[in-house]
Amino acid sequence: MVIPKEILSDYKEIYEKAFKLVNDESKNDPPTDPYRSHYAARDLLLQMKENLKNELVSVQAEEADDGTDDFTYKVLQSFVCRDLGRIYVFCEEPSTGEKCLQDCLNLVQDRKLEPPAIIPYMGAMNEMGIIYANRTEYKKSFEYLAEAEKSYKEFMQTKKSPLAITDVFGTADEIEPGKGLKELESLYTLCSFYLAQVYGHLGELEKSAQYCHMTLRRQVEAKSYEPIDFALNAATLSQYFIGQNMFKQARHHLAAATLVMSEHEATMLTPPNLTEEQKADIQETFKHRYADVARCWAKYGLALLSASKDRLFNDDETKLAEDAKRLKINENAYLFADFPLDTYEKRITCDYCLTFDDAKEVYHFVIKWLDIAKEHYKPDTDATEYAKIINDFAELYQHIAFFEEDPVNQSKMQKRRAKYYEELLELLNPTFYLSICRESWYGAGLAYSAILDIKLDLLKASRTPNPQELGKINQVCQQAIKNFKSYIESYTEKDGSWKPNMDVEEQRTVLYAHFHVGRLHYKIITPDQNLQLENLSNSLKYYKTFIDECSKLEEPAKALQAEVGVCREMVNLLPMKIANVKKRLAK
């Protein structure tokens, strides 16, 4: 016995009506009734499920065929249960949705690797993975997604052609070649995307990166990606590679993001009948997301300079060994073979900078991308994001100063760094942007401290320092003190105690700020004995606070043992210096 074509046509008509409700008519649902079309589709599918269930019982009772009709009814039910599960989850009824999805799995579990069953089975497994991920049950989510992947790979080894639901509704002659395979491949692409997210939540970042890239690559091969989403995902993945010093792979993904955005810009306004408002929205979205890609390019350059500096500054054999291991990665492991990316990749190196000339090329590259990002993010509309961009400018000058050999130019670069932080401090109210202001105070303090060290070194080489030079040194010193003290005061209560609930990193940085202020007061050069006494007393005060707090705060003090040793020496030395100054004043 074979199910009559008329019956299948009736079911097909109901299913297509439900499909249209979910995918088309739901876009026009009013905000006051956002699930109207989904509820209508649900009701149709529930009735269809019930009818299929009754038909199955009749067929099984008749035992009139070899089980072909039996299996067809089960497959159709499984498709319906899968879609009902999706609808219930979308309508914020995940528990009911889970039951429908489990019904789908139960219906085809025994024959899941057969052409009619693989698509509903894998679709339901994906949806179950999403449900558990939304509940933050990532291990359970992984189990479903890993099983979905396993089923896909096993089915592909059979060399059979999967059937879409439209194929199941029709006769053998009406099967659309390739339609089922395209849908199955799309399901596996989704599966790999969800696996990437779950691996990330489970802390397996390398696996997450692998599946992220695989998802993007599959989208490229299938030519089925939304340009802006693809570009943002590729640019975001580049940040993982940057963190692993895999600069070649990071550059490749950023190049892919830029290529896709450029191609999208050329066609984004071509659809007919776009209103002026729609065109403006499309252009604004493009500028916004292009600015985000620009920021990722800037992060690439900053990280390359930072990593280059670290390699030159210290000879960490472990880190060098890790970098060498990265070089052995299969060239094709993270490659978009279908994209012509040479033009974009040749704009910036992926090799470590060894000289100032190397670093200067990266510097100009970063400046270009930060300027693009700055064109979109404005302080009056996106103050927080604008501040991050300004911080990137400041970091850039910190890195390039390291490669500069001329002390005078080093000092100018540190001055530019400080000015960026001061720009933010003038712009932002600490009441609303305290975190950013703290970062700016501390950054400006470090920049002025660096300038001070350069000027003091130049002073040592000068046989006859003049009062003007000494005045500039003291001015820089006071600027550094002012910023570090503002940073400290932001963590201090009115009674002088430290604010509660500071984490270890905050405690360590506040301790460091005390160390810097103690050191800076000691560096001030003045012939005025009273001022000298005041500066030495302030130096002793901050050094003692540093030692006292380090003795209380064991965890943050672990990384400050060298500074603790210096402070103890100074705490022993300074009382004698103070006593000598007092003697001279007494005369």
Protein backbone atom coordinates (compact mmCIF):
# COMPACT_ATOMS: atom_id res chain seq x y z
CA MET A 1 0.00 0.00 0.00
CA VAL A 2 1.19 3.56 -0.76
CA ILE A 3 -0.27 6.71 0.80
CA PRO A 4 -2.62 8.26 -1.75
CA LYS A 5 -1.26 11.38 -3.42
CA GLU A 6 -4.41 13.30 -2.51
CA ILE A 7 -3.80 12.77 1.21
CA LEU A 8 -0.18 13.89 0.90
CA SER A 9 -1.27 16.96 -1.08
CA ASP A 10 -3.72 17.93 1.68
CA TYR A 11 -1.01 17.65 4.32
CA LYS A 12 1.39 19.57 2.10
CA GLU A 13 -1.12 22.42 1.76
CA ILE A 14 -1.58 22.66 5.53
CA TYR A 15 2.16 22.53 6.15
CA GLU A 16 2.92 25.21 3.57
CA LYS A 17 0.26 27.47 5.08
CA ALA A 18 1.86 27.10 8.52
CA PHE A 19 5.30 27.70 6.98
CA LYS A 20 4.10 30.93 5.35
CA LEU A 21 2.58 32.15 8.61
CA VAL A 22 5.88 31.72 10.48
CA ASN A 23 8.25 32.99 7.80
CA ASP A 24 6.25 35.72 6.07
CA GLU A 25 3.12 36.89 7.82
CA SER A 26 4.75 36.99 11.28
CA LYS A 27 6.81 39.99 10.12
CA ASN A 28 3.63 42.06 10.15
CA ASP A 29 2.40 40.97 13.58
CA PRO A 30 1.61 43.98 15.80
CA PRO A 31 3.75 44.67 18.92
CA THR A 32 0.64 44.11 21.03
CA ASP A 33 0.26 40.57 19.64
CA PRO A 34 3.81 39.55 18.58
CA TYR A 35 3.11 35.80 18.35
CA ARG A 36 -0.17 35.95 16.47
CA SER A 37 1.06 34.25 13.30
CA HIS A 38 3.12 31.73 15.24
CA TYR A 39 0.07 30.75 17.30
CA ALA A 40 -1.97 30.33 14.11
CA ALA A 41 0.76 28.13 12.61
CA ARG A 42 0.96 26.15 15.85
CA ASP A 43 -2.76 25.40 15.75
CA LEU A 44 -2.50 24.15 12.16
CA LEU A 45 0.47 21.94 12.97
CA LEU A 46 -1.13 20.55 16.13
CA GLN A 47 -4.16 19.46 14.10
CA MET A 48 -1.89 18.03 11.40
CA LYS A 49 0.08 16.14 14.05
CA GLU A 50 -3.13 14.65 15.46
CA ASN A 51 -4.36 13.61 12.00
CA LEU A 52 -1.01 12.00 11.15
CA LYS A 53 -1.04 10.17 14.46
CA ASN A 54 -4.51 8.76 13.76
CA GLU A 55 -3.53 7.76 10.22
CA LEU A 56 -0.48 5.95 11.61
CA VAL A 57 -2.64 3.98 14.04
CA SER A 58 -4.92 2.94 11.16
CA VAL A 59 -2.03 1.87 8.96
CA GLN A 60 -0.41 -0.12 11.75
CA ALA A 61 -3.75 -1.83 12.50
CA GLU A 62 -4.24 -2.84 8.89
CA GLU A 63 -0.68 -4.20 8.52
CA ALA A 64 -1.32 -3.82 4.81
CA ASP A 65 2.18 -3.00 3.64
CA ASP A 66 5.83 -3.62 4.42
CA GLY A 67 6.08 -0.66 6.79
CA THR A 68 6.68 1.98 4.10
CA ASP A 69 3.55 3.96 4.88
CA ASP A 70 4.15 3.47 8.58
CA PHE A 71 7.59 5.10 8.29
CA THR A 72 6.33 7.91 6.03
CA TYR A 73 3.71 8.92 8.59
CA LYS A 74 6.35 8.86 11.33
CA VAL A 75 8.68 11.03 9.26
CA LEU A 76 5.93 13.56 8.54
CA GLN A 77 5.03 13.62 12.24
CA SER A 78 8.69 14.17 13.11
CA PHE A 79 8.90 17.20 10.77
CA VAL A 80 5.75 18.61 12.35
CA CYS A 81 6.99 17.97 15.90
CA ARG A 82 10.33 19.63 15.06
CA ASP A 83 8.55 22.74 13.80
CA LEU A 84 6.15 22.79 16.75
CA GLY A 85 9.17 22.64 19.05
CA ARG A 86 10.70 25.64 17.31
CA ILE A 87 7.46 27.60 17.57
CA TYR A 88 6.99 26.87 21.27
CA VAL A 89 10.60 27.89 22.01
CA PHE A 90 10.18 31.09 19.98
CA CYS A 91 6.96 31.87 21.90
CA GLU A 92 8.86 31.50 25.20
CA GLU A 93 7.45 28.09 26.11
CA PRO A 94 10.71 26.07 26.10
CA SER A 95 9.44 23.17 28.21
CA THR A 96 6.58 22.43 25.83
CA GLY A 97 8.95 22.94 22.93
CA GLU A 98 11.38 20.42 24.41
CA LYS A 99 8.59 17.81 24.64
CA CYS A 100 7.72 18.30 20.97
CA LEU A 101 11.36 18.00 19.95
CA GLN A 102 11.74 14.83 22.01
CA ASP A 103 8.66 13.43 20.25
CA CYS A 104 10.40 14.15 16.95
CA LEU A 105 13.53 12.29 18.04
CA ASN A 106 11.56 9.32 19.35
CA LEU A 107 9.68 8.95 16.06
CA VAL A 108 12.80 8.52 13.90
CA GLN A 109 15.51 7.48 16.37
CA ASP A 110 15.73 3.88 15.12
CA ARG A 111 16.02 4.92 11.46
CA LYS A 112 17.66 8.34 11.82
CA LEU A 113 20.30 7.66 9.14
CA GLU A 114 17.76 7.01 6.41
CA PRO A 115 17.20 9.77 3.80
CA PRO A 116 13.69 10.86 4.95
CA ALA A 117 14.63 10.97 8.66
CA ILE A 118 18.04 12.63 8.88
CA ILE A 119 16.80 16.22 8.39
CA PRO A 120 14.08 16.27 11.11
CA TYR A 121 16.35 14.29 13.44
CA MET A 122 19.31 16.62 13.08
CA GLY A 123 17.10 19.71 13.19
CA ALA A 124 15.56 18.58 16.48
CA MET A 125 18.99 17.75 17.95
CA ASN A 126 20.18 21.27 17.10
CA GLU A 127 17.12 22.79 18.74
CA MET A 128 17.59 20.68 21.88
CA GLY A 129 21.18 21.92 22.03
CA ILE A 130 19.93 25.52 21.92
CA ILE A 131 17.36 24.92 24.67
CA TYR A 132 19.99 23.57 27.07
CA ALA A 133 22.48 26.28 26.14
CA ASN A 134 19.84 28.91 26.98
CA ARG A 135 19.53 27.24 30.39
CA THR A 136 23.35 27.47 30.73
CA GLU A 137 23.49 23.65 30.86
CA TYR A 138 26.38 23.64 28.41
CA LYS A 139 27.53 20.06 28.92
CA LYS A 140 24.03 18.76 28.15
CA SER A 141 23.83 21.12 25.18
CA PHE A 142 27.16 19.79 23.92
CA GLU A 143 25.92 16.20 24.12
CA TYR A 144 23.01 16.96 21.78
CA LEU A 145 25.12 18.97 19.34
CA ALA A 146 27.95 16.44 19.28
CA GLU A 147 25.42 13.69 18.54
CA ALA A 148 23.94 15.82 15.75
CA GLU A 149 27.40 16.23 14.23
CA LYS A 150 28.10 12.51 14.54
CA SER A 151 24.81 11.67 12.81
CA TYR A 152 25.57 14.09 9.98
CA LYS A 153 29.01 12.58 9.37
CA GLU A 154 27.68 9.02 9.51
CA PHE A 155 24.89 9.84 7.06
CA MET A 156 27.28 11.53 4.62
CA GLN A 157 29.36 8.35 4.58
CA THR A 158 26.33 6.42 3.27
CA LYS A 159 26.46 8.51 0.05
CA LYS A 160 22.64 8.67 0.09
CA SER A 161 20.63 11.80 -0.73
CA PRO A 162 18.62 13.28 2.16
CA LEU A 163 14.98 14.17 1.57
CA ALA A 164 13.42 17.53 2.39
CA ILE A 165 9.82 17.51 3.62
CA THR A 166 8.63 18.62 0.16
CA ASP A 167 10.29 15.48 -1.22
CA VAL A 168 8.42 13.34 1.32
CA PHE A 169 5.12 14.93 0.31
CA GLY A 170 5.70 14.13 -3.37
CA THR A 171 6.27 11.01 -5.42
CA ALA A 172 9.67 9.66 -6.37
CA ASP A 173 9.44 11.57 -9.66
CA GLU A 174 8.77 14.86 -7.83
CA ILE A 175 11.90 14.83 -5.65
CA GLU A 176 13.95 18.01 -6.20
CA PRO A 177 17.60 16.98 -6.70
CA GLY A 178 19.91 18.65 -4.22
CA LYS A 179 17.23 20.35 -2.15
CA GLY A 180 17.48 17.93 0.77
CA LEU A 181 21.28 17.98 0.71
CA LYS A 182 21.32 21.77 0.77
CA GLU A 183 19.02 21.77 3.81
CA LEU A 184 21.12 19.14 5.60
CA GLU A 185 24.32 21.08 4.92
CA SER A 186 22.65 24.20 6.30
CA LEU A 187 21.69 22.28 9.45
CA TYR A 188 25.28 21.15 9.93
CA THR A 189 26.51 24.72 9.46
CA LEU A 190 24.12 25.75 12.25
CA CYS A 191 25.33 22.83 14.34
CA SER A 192 28.96 23.94 13.95
CA PHE A 193 27.97 27.50 14.89
CA TYR A 194 26.25 26.31 18.07
CA LEU A 195 29.17 24.02 18.90
CA ALA A 196 31.50 27.02 18.62
CA GLN A 197 29.42 28.88 21.22
CA VAL A 198 29.18 25.91 23.57
CA TYR A 199 32.89 25.12 23.35
CA GLY A 200 33.51 28.75 24.31
CA HIS A 201 31.28 28.45 27.37
CA LEU A 202 33.04 25.21 28.34
CA GLY A 203 36.41 27.01 28.24
CA GLU A 204 37.72 25.12 25.19
CA LEU A 205 38.67 28.24 23.26
CA GLU A 206 40.76 26.57 20.60
CA LYS A 207 37.91 24.21 19.73
CA SER A 208 35.55 27.18 19.71
CA ALA A 209 37.80 29.00 17.24
CA GLN A 210 38.01 25.94 15.00
CA TYR A 211 34.24 25.62 14.82
CA CYS A 212 33.78 29.37 14.36
CA HIS A 213 36.07 29.29 11.35
CA MET A 214 34.44 26.15 10.00
CA THR A 215 31.03 27.84 10.24
CA LEU A 216 32.27 30.88 8.35
CA ARG A 217 34.05 28.78 5.73
CA ARG A 218 30.95 26.65 5.14
CA GLN A 219 28.88 29.82 4.70
CA VAL A 220 31.34 31.06 2.09
CA GLU A 221 31.35 27.73 0.24
CA ALA A 222 27.53 27.65 0.24
CA LYS A 223 27.34 31.36 -0.65
CA SER A 224 24.77 31.70 2.12
CA TYR A 225 25.87 34.43 4.49
CA GLU A 226 24.55 37.80 5.53
CA PRO A 227 27.48 40.15 4.76
CA ILE A 228 27.49 42.28 7.89
CA ASP A 229 27.00 39.30 10.22
CA PHE A 230 29.77 37.41 8.44
CA ALA A 231 32.15 40.37 8.64
CA LEU A 232 31.51 40.92 12.35
CA ASN A 233 31.93 37.22 13.13
CA ALA A 234 35.18 37.01 11.14
CA ALA A 235 36.53 40.16 12.78
CA THR A 236 35.55 38.90 16.23
CA LEU A 237 37.28 35.57 15.60
CA SER A 238 40.42 37.47 14.64
CA GLN A 239 40.62 38.70 18.23
CA TYR A 240 41.05 35.10 19.45
CA PHE A 241 43.94 34.57 17.02
CA ILE A 242 45.49 37.86 18.15
CA GLY A 243 45.43 36.63 21.74
CA GLN A 244 47.34 33.53 20.64
CA ASN A 245 49.92 35.57 18.66
CA MET A 246 48.55 33.91 15.50
CA PHE A 247 48.83 37.12 13.53
CA LYS A 248 48.72 35.53 10.08
CA GLN A 249 45.37 33.89 10.84
CA ALA A 250 44.05 37.06 12.50
CA ARG A 251 45.02 39.15 9.46
CA HIS A 252 43.38 36.64 7.12
CA HIS A 253 40.04 36.84 8.94
CA LEU A 254 40.14 40.63 9.12
CA ALA A 255 40.92 40.74 5.40
CA ALA A 256 37.90 38.50 4.75
CA ALA A 257 35.71 40.80 6.87
CA THR A 258 36.91 43.86 4.95
CA LEU A 259 36.42 42.22 1.55
CA VAL A 260 32.85 41.19 2.40
CA MET A 261 32.04 44.67 3.73
CA SER A 262 33.44 46.30 0.58
CA GLU A 263 31.42 44.02 -1.68
CA HIS A 264 28.32 44.68 0.41
CA GLU A 265 28.82 48.46 0.18
CA ALA A 266 28.81 48.24 -3.61
CA THR A 267 25.41 46.52 -3.73
CA MET A 268 23.57 47.46 -0.53
CA LEU A 269 21.49 50.23 -2.14
CA THR A 270 20.66 48.37 -5.37
CA PRO A 271 17.36 46.72 -4.29
CA PRO A 272 14.50 48.59 -6.01
CA ASN A 273 11.82 50.58 -4.22
CA LEU A 274 13.99 51.51 -1.23
CA THR A 275 12.72 54.64 0.51
CA GLU A 276 15.13 57.41 1.46
CA GLU A 277 14.66 56.45 5.09
CA GLN A 278 15.55 52.83 4.34
CA LYS A 279 18.63 53.91 2.41
CA ALA A 280 19.73 56.11 5.31
CA ASP A 281 19.25 53.22 7.76
CA ILE A 282 21.27 50.85 5.54
CA GLN A 283 24.10 53.37 5.21
CA GLU A 284 24.14 54.07 8.94
CA THR A 285 24.26 50.34 9.74
CA PHE A 286 27.13 49.92 7.29
CA LYS A 287 29.13 52.81 8.77
CA HIS A 288 28.54 51.48 12.27
CA ARG A 289 29.70 47.95 11.47
CA TYR A 290 32.58 49.11 9.28
CA ALA A 291 33.77 51.15 12.27
CA ASP A 292 33.66 47.95 14.35
CA VAL A 293 35.80 46.11 11.78
CA ALA A 294 38.15 49.12 11.82
CA ARG A 295 38.52 48.81 15.59
CA CYS A 296 39.41 45.14 15.19
CA TRP A 297 42.10 46.06 12.65
CA ALA A 298 43.44 48.62 15.13
CA LYS A 299 43.53 45.97 17.86
CA TYR A 300 45.49 43.76 15.47
CA GLY A 301 48.16 46.44 14.99
CA LEU A 302 48.32 47.28 18.70
CA ALA A 303 48.69 43.61 19.62
CA LEU A 304 51.41 43.12 17.00
CA LEU A 305 53.39 46.04 18.45
CA SER A 306 52.84 44.79 22.00
CA ALA A 307 53.92 41.24 21.15
CA SER A 308 56.95 42.55 19.25
CA LYS A 309 57.91 44.66 22.25
CA ASP A 310 57.58 41.70 24.59
CA ARG A 311 59.84 39.56 22.40
CA LEU A 312 62.50 42.26 22.30
CA PHE A 313 62.15 43.17 25.96
CA ASN A 314 62.52 39.71 27.44
CA ASP A 315 63.68 36.33 26.25
CA ASP A 316 60.84 34.13 27.46
CA GLU A 317 61.70 30.69 26.11
CA THR A 318 58.27 29.27 26.92
CA LYS A 319 56.52 32.02 24.98
CA LEU A 320 58.93 31.65 22.08
CA ALA A 321 58.26 27.91 22.02
CA GLU A 322 54.50 28.54 21.95
CA ASP A 323 54.90 30.96 19.06
CA ALA A 324 57.04 28.44 17.19
CA LYS A 325 54.29 25.85 17.69
CA ARG A 326 51.78 28.26 16.12
CA LEU A 327 53.96 28.48 13.00
CA LYS A 328 53.53 24.73 12.47
CA ILE A 329 49.74 24.99 12.13
CA ASN A 330 48.45 23.66 8.81
CA GLU A 331 48.39 26.59 6.38
CA ASN A 332 44.88 25.62 5.25
CA ALA A 333 43.44 25.10 8.74
CA TYR A 334 42.04 28.62 8.99
CA LEU A 335 41.83 29.63 5.34
CA PHE A 336 39.08 31.07 3.14
CA ALA A 337 40.24 29.56 -0.13
CA ASP A 338 37.39 31.11 -2.15
CA PHE A 339 38.27 34.70 -1.22
CA PRO A 340 40.89 36.86 -3.04
CA LEU A 341 42.44 38.47 0.05
CA ASP A 342 45.99 39.33 -1.07
CA THR A 343 45.17 43.01 -1.61
CA TYR A 344 44.00 43.42 1.96
CA GLU A 345 46.64 41.22 3.55
CA LYS A 346 49.53 43.03 1.88
CA ARG A 347 48.58 46.29 3.58
CA ILE A 348 50.02 45.16 6.92
CA THR A 349 52.68 42.69 8.02
CA CYS A 350 52.00 39.66 10.17
CA ASP A 351 55.66 39.42 11.25
CA TYR A 352 57.06 40.78 14.51
CA CYS A 353 58.52 44.30 14.41
CA LEU A 354 62.26 44.42 15.02
CA THR A 355 63.09 48.05 14.31
CA PHE A 356 61.53 51.48 14.58
CA ASP A 357 60.89 51.47 10.82
CA ASP A 358 58.94 48.21 11.17
CA ALA A 359 56.92 49.64 14.03
CA LYS A 360 56.34 52.94 12.21
CA GLU A 361 54.52 51.14 9.35
CA VAL A 362 52.21 49.44 11.86
CA TYR A 363 51.73 52.77 13.67
CA HIS A 364 50.47 54.50 10.50
CA PHE A 365 48.22 51.52 9.74
CA VAL A 366 46.62 51.67 13.21
CA ILE A 367 46.16 55.45 13.02
CA LYS A 368 44.23 55.03 9.75
CA TRP A 369 41.79 52.51 11.21
CA LEU A 370 41.33 54.37 14.49
CA ASP A 371 40.48 57.53 12.56
CA ILE A 372 37.79 55.57 10.66
CA ALA A 373 36.36 54.26 13.92
CA LYS A 374 36.47 57.75 15.43
CA GLU A 375 34.39 59.12 12.54
CA HIS A 376 31.45 56.98 13.65
CA TYR A 377 31.74 56.86 17.44
CA LYS A 378 31.24 60.37 18.82
CA PRO A 379 31.62 61.46 22.47
CA ASP A 380 28.15 63.01 22.62
CA THR A 381 26.38 59.83 21.45
CA ASP A 382 28.74 56.93 22.26
CA ALA A 383 30.95 58.21 25.07
CA THR A 384 32.02 54.78 26.32
CA GLU A 385 32.99 53.48 22.87
CA TYR A 386 34.64 56.78 22.00
CA ALA A 387 36.72 56.51 25.17
CA LYS A 388 37.90 53.03 24.16
CA ILE A 389 39.11 54.41 20.83
CA ILE A 390 40.96 57.26 22.54
CA ASN A 391 42.55 54.71 24.89
CA ASP A 392 43.73 52.80 21.81
CA PHE A 393 45.39 56.00 20.52
CA ALA A 394 47.13 56.37 23.89
CA GLU A 395 48.26 52.74 23.85
CA LEU A 396 49.61 53.19 20.31
CA TYR A 397 51.91 56.02 21.44
CA GLN A 398 53.05 53.94 24.40
CA HIS A 399 54.12 51.13 22.03
CA ILE A 400 55.76 53.30 19.36
CA ALA A 401 57.76 55.14 22.05
CA PHE A 402 59.40 51.83 22.94
CA PHE A 403 60.81 51.45 19.41
CA GLU A 404 61.94 55.10 19.14
CA GLU A 405 65.64 55.47 19.93
CA ASP A 406 65.80 59.27 20.26
CA PRO A 407 64.97 60.19 23.89
CA VAL A 408 63.55 63.57 22.85
CA ASN A 409 61.12 61.91 20.44
CA GLN A 410 60.30 59.28 23.09
CA SER A 411 59.32 62.07 25.42
CA LYS A 412 57.10 63.69 22.76
CA MET A 413 55.32 60.38 22.15
CA GLN A 414 54.67 59.88 25.85
CA LYS A 415 53.35 63.44 25.97
CA ARG A 416 50.89 62.61 23.17
CA ARG A 417 49.88 59.52 25.12
CA ALA A 418 49.19 61.63 28.23
CA LYS A 419 47.20 64.17 26.22
CA TYR A 420 44.78 61.50 25.00
CA TYR A 421 44.05 60.49 28.60
CA GLU A 422 43.66 64.13 29.60
CA GLU A 423 41.22 64.66 26.73
CA LEU A 424 38.97 62.00 28.25
CA LEU A 425 39.30 63.44 31.74
CA GLU A 426 38.20 66.85 30.45
CA LEU A 427 35.32 65.27 28.54
CA LEU A 428 33.88 62.79 31.04
CA ASN A 429 32.27 63.24 34.44
CA PRO A 430 33.76 60.74 36.95
CA THR A 431 30.34 60.35 38.57
CA PHE A 432 29.05 58.61 35.45
CA TYR A 433 32.27 57.29 33.91
CA LEU A 434 34.37 56.44 36.94
CA SER A 435 35.94 53.31 35.45
CA ILE A 436 37.14 55.18 32.35
CA CYS A 437 38.41 58.11 34.44
CA ARG A 438 40.35 55.75 36.70
CA GLU A 439 42.00 54.19 33.69
CA SER A 440 42.80 57.65 32.32
CA TRP A 441 44.26 58.92 35.61
CA TYR A 442 46.50 55.90 35.93
CA GLY A 443 47.50 55.96 32.26
CA ALA A 444 48.36 59.67 32.39
CA GLY A 445 50.35 59.07 35.58
CA LEU A 446 52.40 56.37 33.86
CA ALA A 447 52.93 58.55 30.78
CA TYR A 448 54.21 61.50 32.81
CA SER A 449 56.40 59.14 34.87
CA ALA A 450 57.95 57.88 31.63
CA ILE A 451 58.59 61.47 30.51
CA LEU A 452 60.18 62.20 33.89
CA ASP A 453 62.57 59.25 33.59
CA ILE A 454 63.62 60.38 30.11
CA LYS A 455 64.22 63.95 31.26
CA LEU A 456 66.19 62.82 34.32
CA ASP A 457 68.41 60.65 32.13
CA LEU A 458 69.03 63.64 29.85
CA LEU A 459 69.71 65.78 32.89
CA LYS A 460 72.44 63.40 34.06
CA ALA A 461 74.13 63.76 30.69
CA SER A 462 73.96 67.56 30.95
CA ARG A 463 76.83 69.20 32.82
CA THR A 464 75.00 72.42 33.58
CA PRO A 465 71.24 71.98 33.94
CA ASN A 466 69.49 75.35 33.92
CA PRO A 467 66.55 76.42 36.10
CA GLN A 468 64.18 76.19 33.15
CA GLU A 469 65.02 72.50 32.62
CA LEU A 470 64.60 71.81 36.34
CA GLY A 471 61.26 73.61 36.28
CA LYS A 472 60.02 71.42 33.41
CA ILE A 473 61.12 68.29 35.27
CA ASN A 474 59.27 69.32 38.40
CA GLN A 475 56.20 70.25 36.37
CA VAL A 476 56.13 66.78 34.78
CA CYS A 477 56.61 65.24 38.21
CA GLN A 478 53.67 67.18 39.64
CA GLN A 479 51.47 66.15 36.70
CA ALA A 480 52.26 62.50 37.37
CA ILE A 481 51.59 62.92 41.10
CA LYS A 482 48.30 64.70 40.43
CA ASN A 483 46.98 61.87 38.24
CA PHE A 484 48.09 59.05 40.52
CA LYS A 485 46.58 60.81 43.54
CA SER A 486 43.28 61.26 41.69
CA TYR A 487 43.35 57.55 40.99
CA ILE A 488 44.03 56.71 44.65
CA GLU A 489 41.35 59.12 45.89
CA SER A 490 38.75 57.41 43.68
CA TYR A 491 39.26 54.29 45.82
CA THR A 492 39.42 56.12 49.15
CA GLU A 493 36.59 56.83 51.61
CA LYS A 494 36.25 60.19 53.38
CA ASP A 495 37.92 58.78 56.51
CA GLY A 496 40.97 57.74 54.46
CA SER A 497 40.16 54.01 54.39
CA TRP A 498 40.03 52.08 51.14
CA LYS A 499 36.65 51.36 49.61
CA PRO A 500 35.33 47.84 50.20
CA ASN A 501 34.74 45.22 47.51
CA MET A 502 37.89 45.98 45.53
CA ASP A 503 39.09 42.97 43.58
CA VAL A 504 42.69 41.76 43.67
CA GLU A 505 43.70 43.56 40.47
CA GLU A 506 42.27 46.85 41.76
CA GLN A 507 44.07 46.45 45.06
CA ARG A 508 47.35 45.74 43.29
CA THR A 509 47.01 48.79 41.06
CA VAL A 510 46.14 51.07 43.98
CA LEU A 511 49.23 49.77 45.77
CA TYR A 512 51.29 50.49 42.66
CA ALA A 513 49.89 54.04 42.57
CA HIS A 514 51.12 54.59 46.14
CA PHE A 515 54.54 53.30 45.12
CA HIS A 516 54.64 55.70 42.16
CA VAL A 517 53.59 58.71 44.26
CA GLY A 518 56.24 57.92 46.88
CA ARG A 519 58.89 57.66 44.16
CA LEU A 520 57.76 60.85 42.38
CA HIS A 521 57.85 62.99 45.53
CA TYR A 522 61.42 61.83 46.05
CA LYS A 523 62.36 62.82 42.47
CA ILE A 524 61.30 66.49 42.77
CA ILE A 525 64.34 68.76 42.58
CA THR A 526 64.19 71.98 44.60
CA PRO A 527 66.69 74.22 46.43
CA ASP A 528 63.94 75.27 48.86
CA GLN A 529 64.62 73.35 52.06
CA ASN A 530 61.02 73.60 53.26
CA LEU A 531 59.70 72.18 49.99
CA GLN A 532 62.36 69.50 50.11
CA LEU A 533 61.25 68.54 53.62
CA GLU A 534 57.61 68.42 52.49
CA ASN A 535 58.43 66.22 49.50
CA LEU A 536 60.56 63.81 51.52
CA SER A 537 57.81 63.55 54.15
CA ASN A 538 55.20 62.81 51.46
CA SER A 539 57.50 60.24 49.92
CA LEU A 540 57.88 58.50 53.29
CA LYS A 541 54.12 58.64 53.87
CA TYR A 542 53.25 56.88 50.58
CA TYR A 543 56.06 54.33 50.89
CA LYS A 544 54.91 53.43 54.42
CA THR A 545 51.29 53.11 53.27
CA PHE A 546 52.47 50.83 50.49
CA ILE A 547 54.34 48.54 52.91
CA ASP A 548 51.55 48.54 55.51
CA GLU A 549 48.85 47.68 52.97
CA CYS A 550 51.02 45.00 51.33
CA SER A 551 51.33 43.30 54.71
CA LYS A 552 47.51 43.24 54.96
CA LEU A 553 46.80 42.26 51.36
CA GLU A 554 48.70 39.06 50.77
CA GLU A 555 47.27 38.12 47.37
CA PRO A 556 47.86 41.39 45.45
CA ALA A 557 51.25 41.83 47.19
CA LYS A 558 52.62 38.59 45.71
CA ALA A 559 53.51 40.32 42.46
CA LEU A 560 55.01 43.36 44.20
CA GLN A 561 57.91 41.82 46.14
CA ALA A 562 60.56 43.81 44.26
CA GLU A 563 58.72 47.06 45.02
CA VAL A 564 58.28 46.02 48.66
CA GLY A 565 62.07 45.62 48.93
CA VAL A 566 62.68 49.08 47.44
CA CYS A 567 60.11 50.68 49.75
CA ARG A 568 61.62 49.11 52.85
CA GLU A 569 65.03 50.52 51.94
CA MET A 570 63.49 53.95 51.38
CA VAL A 571 61.54 53.83 54.65
CA ASN A 572 64.86 53.24 56.42
CA LEU A 573 66.67 55.90 54.42
CA LEU A 574 64.15 58.73 54.36
CA PRO A 575 63.99 59.48 58.12
CA MET A 576 67.73 60.19 58.04
CA LYS A 577 67.36 62.50 55.04
CA ILE A 578 64.43 64.25 56.72
CA ALA A 579 66.48 64.69 59.90
CA ASN A 580 69.36 66.24 57.91
CA VAL A 581 67.02 68.71 56.21
CA LYS A 582 65.52 69.68 59.58
CA LYS A 583 69.02 70.32 60.94
CA ARG A 584 69.83 72.62 58.04
CA LEU A 585 66.54 74.46 58.55
CA ALA A 586 67.28 74.87 62.27
CA LYS A 587 70.56 76.67 61.46
